[in-house]
Amino acid sequence: MKHALYDKYISVIQSAASWWRPHRLRMRRRLYLPYRSEEFLQRIHSMGIEEGDSLLVVCSANRILNETGTMPPLHFLMRDLLEYLGSKGTLMVFAFSGPRKEIKAGKIVFDVRRTPTQGGLFVEFLRRRREAFRSIDPLYSAVAMGRRAEEFCAVHHLSPYAFDEFS
């Protein structure tokens, strides 16, 4: 059965970086972001994302920090995205396993529940949630949470290519 796994493919967090630039606040020699859920959710809505959508997020907090000088509050962003998508929506991220060389060489055994990722803080926050599912591909796994999370992660490891019916 061939179907599109994601209703939308966007980089929500990175595209919102331009919005964050004017909202920086200097405190203790570091720049912090005063976060406003309403403004972030307005931006999400303006991109055409709707409640119940399946959303693949590619997030680089380090890139946002380097470009804007602010660190985004990732736990609030995740909370707001999950609430916005609602009970019928699904949030998904790529979760490249941290010690890939060691896993490939057989020195480390991949544990779907415990092996850390190299995807960054946003991915780790999602991976560590009890409701999240992770695909069993030891090198290029994915993590999802929501109504279709189990469906997306169940067959992900069957994909021999980057983009096909199982990816």
Foldseek 3Di string as FASTA:
>chain_A
DFDDPFPDEDALVVVCLVVQQVQWDDDPNAIEGPDDLVVSVVSVVVVVDAALGEYEHQDDQVVSCVVRRYGDPLVVVVVSVDVRNDQNYKYKYKFFFDPQVCVVVVNDPADQLDGHGPRDDNQVVQSPDPQKGWAPQRGTIMIMHHDCRCVLRDQLNVDPDPDTRND
